[in-house]
Amino acid sequence: MHRTKITAACWAAVLAAPLFVGLAASSCGGGKREGKAPAAETRAQVRIGVSLLTRTHPFYQDLEAGLAAEAAAHGYQLNVQSGEFDVARQKDQVENFIVDKVSAIVVCPCDSNSIGTSVQAANRAGIPVFTADIAVLAEGVSVVSHIASDNVEGGRLAAQALSRALGGKGKIAIIDHPEVESVIQRVRGFEDEVALQTGIRVVAKLSGRGMKDAAFRTAEDILQAHPDLDGIFGINDDSALGALAAVEKAGRLGRVAIVGFDAMPEARQAIRDGKIYADVVQQSHAIGEETIKTIAAYMAGEKVAPMHLIPCRLFTKDDAVAGK
């Protein structure tokens, strides 16, 4: 995200000036992947540049905490920045990492294809690149390893939950964000599972850009176009919560079932209140930890897997009531 050819089917700005922070005390591109480091570095020498998709979402806050905790355990230095959904900004961050000659780069791409040129630049500079949560889809790039949720299986869980909410039949919509590889994977899993549900039909699939306000407007358009809509799958919780706001505004709460992805606190409360049916839970902290562990193994000269998928689970009202 061993030198293995991986297909595209395999899978985020700081307000102050970035500084490397010492941490000793303290969620698949289309090209080649290097699985073994050319030379090991001492812990004090390892500086890792990280460009997240965003720092505003609880998922990425937790992922960053996982990165920081594991980096501290290894005595590594992290320079964490965020693209905030702007791939041009993220490209500048990666370029700065290259100029700074960091030991490794971790990217959660704002755009899985457009970030490819920046990854190629890191490749030319001999800096190993790792991806977390979101993979690179561009061809001709080298990513050592991709660490992420099993989004295909997560999408399947979401479809199963929505089918149960609808009793196995109904018209549903997907609020998408197709520029992001992890979303492509979860939508693929969702659609594959829906294809097995003969009574369920997808009547709309539109982008909400992964943001609540945009998803609200998208859901409004879908509800107006499909007054008989029975369910909505939001590809993340901002999408699901935006859909919920549109459903409430339209006076259709209780008639349109909603399933989301991430299970952040606001969505968990909506599930507890019976407004959202279920959410798929990702282990974002574990993704961050595993990313640093993979870098450590690579720096030690060990072979690392080109992809590490971390399981998801479903979060329902029963889990909310039980306090899980």
Protein backbone atom coordinates (compact mmCIF):
# COMPACT_ATOMS: atom_id res chain seq x y z
CA MET A 1 0.00 0.00 0.00
CA HIS A 2 8.71 -7.73 -1.39
CA ARG A 3 8.35 -6.66 -4.79
CA THR A 4 4.98 -7.76 -6.03
CA LYS A 5 2.72 -6.38 -8.76
CA ILE A 6 -0.60 -5.33 -7.22
CA THR A 7 -3.61 -4.28 -9.24
CA ALA A 8 -5.68 -1.14 -8.66
CA ALA A 9 -8.35 -3.20 -6.95
CA CYS A 10 -6.05 -3.71 -3.87
CA TRP A 11 -6.47 0.40 -1.02
CA ALA A 12 -6.07 13.67 5.55
CA ALA A 13 -3.38 20.49 7.06
CA VAL A 14 -1.68 21.54 10.15
CA LEU A 15 -2.59 25.09 11.13
CA ALA A 16 0.90 25.86 12.45
CA ALA A 17 4.20 25.30 10.67
CA PRO A 18 5.11 21.61 10.80
CA LEU A 19 7.90 20.44 13.05
CA PHE A 20 9.33 17.03 13.69
CA VAL A 21 8.33 15.97 17.18
CA GLY A 22 10.43 13.51 19.16
CA LEU A 23 8.24 10.74 20.54
CA ALA A 24 10.70 8.69 22.52
CA ALA A 25 8.87 9.54 25.73
CA SER A 26 5.39 9.29 24.87
CA SER A 27 -7.56 3.47 7.71
CA CYS A 28 -2.36 -0.72 -2.91
CA GLY A 29 -1.16 1.04 -5.68
CA GLY A 30 -0.93 -0.21 -9.20
CA GLY A 31 2.81 -0.68 -9.33
CA LYS A 32 5.73 -2.37 -7.61
CA ARG A 33 6.14 -2.75 -3.88
CA GLU A 34 9.45 -2.96 -2.14
CA GLY A 35 9.25 -5.49 0.69
CA LYS A 36 12.75 -5.22 2.11
CA ALA A 37 14.67 -2.12 3.17
CA PRO A 38 18.03 -1.53 1.48
CA ALA A 39 19.65 -0.73 4.83
CA ALA A 40 18.55 -0.57 8.45
CA GLU A 41 18.55 2.79 10.29
CA THR A 42 19.02 3.43 13.97
CA ARG A 43 15.89 4.48 15.86
CA ALA A 44 17.15 8.03 16.38
CA GLN A 45 17.61 8.40 12.63
CA VAL A 46 14.10 7.31 11.65
CA ARG A 47 11.93 10.30 10.74
CA ILE A 48 8.53 9.59 9.24
CA GLY A 49 6.45 12.07 7.26
CA VAL A 50 2.70 11.48 7.50
CA SER A 51 0.01 13.11 5.36
CA LEU A 52 -3.50 12.29 6.54
CA LEU A 53 -6.71 12.76 4.60
CA THR A 54 -8.04 14.97 7.41
CA ARG A 55 -7.55 15.71 11.09
CA THR A 56 -11.16 16.80 11.67
CA HIS A 57 -12.70 13.33 11.66
CA PRO A 58 -12.56 11.12 14.80
CA PHE A 59 -11.44 8.17 12.67
CA TYR A 60 -8.26 9.96 11.61
CA GLN A 61 -7.72 11.42 15.07
CA ASP A 62 -7.72 7.87 16.41
CA LEU A 63 -5.52 6.62 13.57
CA GLU A 64 -3.03 9.42 14.31
CA ALA A 65 -3.06 8.45 18.00
CA GLY A 66 -2.19 4.89 16.97
CA LEU A 67 0.68 6.14 14.82
CA ALA A 68 2.00 8.32 17.65
CA ALA A 69 1.77 5.63 20.33
CA GLU A 70 3.63 3.05 18.28
CA ALA A 71 6.19 5.59 17.04
CA ALA A 72 6.90 6.51 20.67
CA ALA A 73 7.48 2.86 21.48
CA HIS A 74 10.11 2.71 18.72
CA GLY A 75 11.68 6.11 19.42
CA TYR A 76 10.76 7.35 15.95
CA GLN A 77 10.05 10.98 15.02
CA LEU A 78 6.79 11.87 13.27
CA ASN A 79 5.91 14.92 11.17
CA VAL A 80 2.13 14.65 10.87
CA GLN A 81 0.30 16.88 8.41
CA SER A 82 -3.11 16.75 6.74
CA GLY A 83 -4.34 17.37 3.23
CA GLU A 84 -7.88 18.19 4.43
CA PHE A 85 -9.37 16.63 1.28
CA ASP A 86 -7.15 18.82 -0.96
CA VAL A 87 -4.85 16.67 -3.08
CA ALA A 88 -2.78 19.69 -4.22
CA ARG A 89 -2.07 20.51 -0.59
CA GLN A 90 -1.19 16.90 0.08
CA LYS A 91 1.20 16.82 -2.86
CA ASP A 92 3.01 19.84 -1.41
CA GLN A 93 3.31 18.01 1.91
CA VAL A 94 4.81 14.93 0.27
CA GLU A 95 7.22 17.14 -1.71
CA ASN A 96 8.34 18.75 1.55
CA PHE A 97 8.92 15.31 3.05
CA ILE A 98 11.11 14.45 0.08
CA VAL A 99 13.10 17.69 0.41
CA ASP A 100 13.54 16.96 4.13
CA LYS A 101 14.84 13.49 3.22
CA VAL A 102 12.63 11.65 5.68
CA SER A 103 13.19 7.95 6.28
CA ALA A 104 9.68 6.95 5.19
CA ILE A 105 6.40 8.50 4.10
CA VAL A 106 2.90 7.48 5.13
CA VAL A 107 0.02 8.73 2.98
CA CYS A 108 -3.75 8.53 3.38
CA PRO A 109 -4.53 9.84 -0.12
CA CYS A 110 -7.01 12.65 -0.74
CA ASP A 111 -7.29 11.32 -4.27
CA SER A 112 -6.13 7.77 -4.90
CA ASN A 113 -5.13 8.43 -8.49
CA SER A 114 -3.84 12.01 -8.45
CA ILE A 115 -1.41 11.36 -5.59
CA GLY A 116 0.47 8.92 -7.84
CA THR A 117 2.90 11.53 -9.22
CA SER A 118 3.98 12.42 -5.67
CA VAL A 119 4.52 8.78 -4.81
CA GLN A 120 6.60 8.40 -7.94
CA ALA A 121 8.71 11.39 -6.84
CA ALA A 122 9.33 9.69 -3.49
CA ASN A 123 10.22 6.50 -5.35
CA ARG A 124 12.81 8.36 -7.42
CA ALA A 125 14.25 9.85 -4.23
CA GLY A 126 14.57 6.37 -2.75
CA ILE A 127 12.13 7.06 0.11
CA PRO A 128 9.83 4.13 0.96
CA VAL A 129 6.11 4.93 0.87
CA PHE A 130 3.41 3.27 2.95
CA THR A 131 -0.34 3.87 2.73
CA ALA A 132 -2.80 3.75 5.61
CA ASP A 133 -6.59 3.44 5.31
CA ILE A 134 -6.66 4.58 1.67
CA ALA A 135 -4.55 3.06 -1.07
CA VAL A 136 -2.96 4.51 -4.18
CA LEU A 137 -4.61 3.44 -7.43
CA ALA A 138 -2.21 5.11 -9.87
CA GLU A 139 -0.18 2.85 -12.12
CA GLY A 140 3.59 2.72 -12.04
CA VAL A 141 4.10 3.55 -8.38
CA SER A 142 5.92 1.66 -5.65
CA VAL A 143 4.25 1.35 -2.25
CA VAL A 144 5.89 -0.93 0.30
CA SER A 145 2.74 -1.90 2.17
CA HIS A 146 -0.89 -0.87 2.52
CA ILE A 147 -2.51 -1.10 5.97
CA ALA A 148 -6.28 -0.68 6.12
CA SER A 149 -9.64 -2.01 7.15
CA ASP A 150 -11.10 -4.87 5.16
CA ASN A 151 -13.42 -2.43 3.40
CA VAL A 152 -14.90 -4.98 1.02
CA GLU A 153 -16.07 -7.08 3.94
CA GLY A 154 -17.21 -3.92 5.73
CA GLY A 155 -19.35 -3.04 2.73
CA ARG A 156 -20.86 -6.50 2.80
CA LEU A 157 -21.71 -6.09 6.50
CA ALA A 158 -23.40 -2.76 5.72
CA ALA A 159 -25.51 -4.34 2.98
CA GLN A 160 -26.52 -7.22 5.23
CA ALA A 161 -27.56 -4.76 7.93
CA LEU A 162 -29.62 -2.63 5.55
CA SER A 163 -31.29 -5.72 4.15
CA ARG A 164 -32.27 -6.81 7.66
CA ALA A 165 -33.63 -3.33 8.39
CA LEU A 166 -35.83 -3.55 5.29
CA GLY A 167 -36.95 -7.13 5.72
CA GLY A 168 -35.09 -8.17 2.59
CA LYS A 169 -36.78 -5.88 0.08
CA GLY A 170 -36.89 -2.23 -0.89
CA LYS A 171 -35.34 0.58 -2.91
CA ILE A 172 -32.06 1.96 -1.63
CA ALA A 173 -29.48 4.64 -2.43
CA ILE A 174 -25.73 4.94 -1.90
CA ILE A 175 -24.11 8.22 -0.91
CA ASP A 176 -20.68 7.69 -2.44
CA HIS A 177 -17.20 9.32 -2.52
CA PRO A 178 -15.61 7.61 -5.54
CA GLU A 179 -12.30 9.51 -5.51
CA VAL A 180 -11.20 7.57 -2.44
CA GLU A 181 -9.97 3.99 -2.79
CA SER A 182 -11.24 2.76 0.58
CA VAL A 183 -14.73 3.94 -0.40
CA ILE A 184 -14.46 2.21 -3.75
CA GLN A 185 -13.74 -1.01 -1.86
CA ARG A 186 -16.61 -0.69 0.63
CA VAL A 187 -19.08 0.24 -2.12
CA ARG A 188 -17.88 -2.76 -4.11
CA GLY A 189 -18.51 -5.05 -1.15
CA PHE A 190 -21.89 -3.41 -0.55
CA GLU A 191 -23.00 -3.82 -4.15
CA ASP A 192 -21.73 -7.39 -4.35
CA GLU A 193 -23.80 -8.30 -1.30
CA VAL A 194 -26.87 -6.42 -2.55
CA ALA A 195 -26.64 -8.41 -5.78
CA LEU A 196 -27.36 -11.51 -3.69
CA GLN A 197 -30.46 -9.88 -2.18
CA THR A 198 -33.10 -10.31 -4.86
CA GLY A 199 -35.57 -7.99 -3.13
CA ILE A 200 -33.18 -5.06 -2.78
CA ARG A 201 -32.58 -2.61 -5.62
CA VAL A 202 -30.14 0.30 -5.78
CA VAL A 203 -31.96 3.20 -7.45
CA ALA A 204 -29.36 5.96 -6.93
CA LYS A 205 -25.63 6.31 -6.28
CA LEU A 206 -24.40 9.88 -5.94
CA SER A 207 -21.36 11.49 -4.33
CA GLY A 208 -21.59 13.28 -1.01
CA ARG A 209 -17.80 13.90 -1.01
CA GLY A 210 -17.54 12.27 2.40
CA MET A 211 -18.75 15.48 4.11
CA LYS A 212 -21.94 16.07 6.09
CA ASP A 213 -23.12 19.22 4.31
CA ALA A 214 -22.52 17.80 0.84
CA ALA A 215 -24.14 14.50 1.80
CA PHE A 216 -27.17 16.37 3.16
CA ARG A 217 -27.68 18.09 -0.21
CA THR A 218 -27.12 14.82 -2.08
CA ALA A 219 -29.64 13.00 0.13
CA GLU A 220 -32.18 15.78 -0.41
CA ASP A 221 -31.86 15.33 -4.17
CA ILE A 222 -32.22 11.56 -3.86
CA LEU A 223 -35.29 11.79 -1.60
CA GLN A 224 -36.97 14.21 -3.99
CA ALA A 225 -36.24 11.98 -6.97
CA HIS A 226 -37.32 8.81 -5.16
CA PRO A 227 -40.28 9.46 -2.85
CA ASP A 228 -40.60 5.71 -2.30
CA LEU A 229 -36.99 5.25 -1.14
CA ASP A 230 -36.61 2.73 1.68
CA GLY A 231 -32.95 2.90 2.67
CA ILE A 232 -29.64 4.75 2.39
CA PHE A 233 -26.05 3.55 2.76
CA GLY A 234 -23.68 6.37 3.72
CA ILE A 235 -20.05 5.46 2.98
CA ASN A 236 -18.91 7.16 6.19
CA ASP A 237 -20.66 8.67 9.21
CA ASP A 238 -20.62 12.20 7.83
CA SER A 239 -22.52 10.81 4.84
CA ALA A 240 -24.94 8.89 7.05
CA LEU A 241 -25.52 11.85 9.36
CA GLY A 242 -26.03 14.18 6.40
CA ALA A 243 -28.57 11.70 5.06
CA LEU A 244 -30.25 11.55 8.46
CA ALA A 245 -30.63 15.36 8.50
CA ALA A 246 -32.23 15.24 5.05
CA VAL A 247 -34.56 12.40 6.05
CA GLU A 248 -35.63 14.31 9.17
CA LYS A 249 -36.19 17.51 7.18
CA ALA A 250 -38.33 15.57 4.70
CA GLY A 251 -40.43 14.13 7.54
CA ARG A 252 -39.48 10.59 6.60
CA LEU A 253 -37.71 9.50 9.78
CA GLY A 254 -38.69 5.91 10.51
CA ARG A 255 -39.53 5.28 6.86
CA VAL A 256 -36.01 5.44 5.43
CA ALA A 257 -33.47 3.15 7.10
CA ILE A 258 -29.87 4.39 7.23
CA VAL A 259 -26.63 2.45 7.61
CA GLY A 260 -23.29 4.22 8.01
CA PHE A 261 -19.60 3.43 8.31
CA ASP A 262 -17.16 4.34 11.16
CA ALA A 263 -19.41 4.43 14.27
CA MET A 264 -18.11 7.76 15.57
CA PRO A 265 -19.79 9.12 18.74
CA GLU A 266 -22.50 11.18 17.01
CA ALA A 267 -23.49 8.23 14.85
CA ARG A 268 -23.49 5.87 17.84
CA GLN A 269 -25.90 8.21 19.61
CA ALA A 270 -28.14 8.25 16.53
CA ILE A 271 -28.11 4.44 16.57
CA ARG A 272 -28.93 4.45 20.28
CA ASP A 273 -31.86 6.79 19.50
CA GLY A 274 -33.07 4.52 16.70
CA LYS A 275 -32.44 7.11 13.97
CA ILE A 276 -29.64 5.19 12.23
CA TYR A 277 -30.03 1.43 12.00
CA ALA A 278 -26.39 0.33 12.16
CA ASP A 279 -22.79 1.28 11.47
CA VAL A 280 -19.68 -0.61 10.41
CA VAL A 281 -16.87 -0.19 12.95
CA GLN A 282 -13.24 0.16 11.88
CA GLN A 283 -10.20 -0.29 14.13
CA SER A 284 -8.52 3.02 13.28
CA HIS A 285 -6.08 2.99 16.22
CA ALA A 286 -4.94 -0.48 15.21
CA ILE A 287 -4.38 0.72 11.63
CA GLY A 288 -2.05 3.44 12.93
CA GLU A 289 -0.17 1.03 15.18
CA GLU A 290 0.19 -1.59 12.47
CA THR A 291 1.49 1.01 10.01
CA ILE A 292 4.41 1.92 12.32
CA LYS A 293 5.07 -1.75 13.11
CA THR A 294 5.29 -2.43 9.38
CA ILE A 295 7.72 0.46 8.89
CA ALA A 296 9.82 -0.84 11.79
CA ALA A 297 9.99 -4.30 10.27
CA TYR A 298 10.96 -2.82 6.90
CA MET A 299 13.66 -0.63 8.48
CA ALA A 300 15.04 -3.75 10.17
CA GLY A 301 15.45 -5.37 6.77
CA GLU A 302 12.58 -7.80 7.18
CA LYS A 303 10.16 -8.78 4.45
CA VAL A 304 6.76 -7.16 4.88
CA ALA A 305 3.43 -8.08 3.34
CA PRO A 306 2.21 -5.81 0.54
CA MET A 307 -1.17 -5.48 2.27
CA HIS A 308 -2.51 -5.91 5.80
CA LEU A 309 -6.28 -5.88 6.18
CA ILE A 310 -7.83 -5.36 9.62
CA PRO A 311 -11.33 -6.77 10.25
CA CYS A 312 -14.46 -4.63 10.68
CA ARG A 313 -17.56 -5.39 12.72
CA LEU A 314 -21.15 -4.22 12.84
CA PHE A 315 -22.45 -1.80 15.50
CA THR A 316 -26.19 -1.91 16.18
CA LYS A 317 -28.63 -0.55 18.75
CA ASP A 318 -28.00 -3.62 20.93
CA ASP A 319 -24.30 -2.69 21.04
CA ALA A 320 -25.14 0.94 21.80
CA VAL A 321 -27.42 -0.04 24.68
CA ALA A 322 -24.78 -2.44 25.98
CA GLY A 323 -22.18 0.34 25.85
CA LYS A 324 -19.84 -1.50 23.48
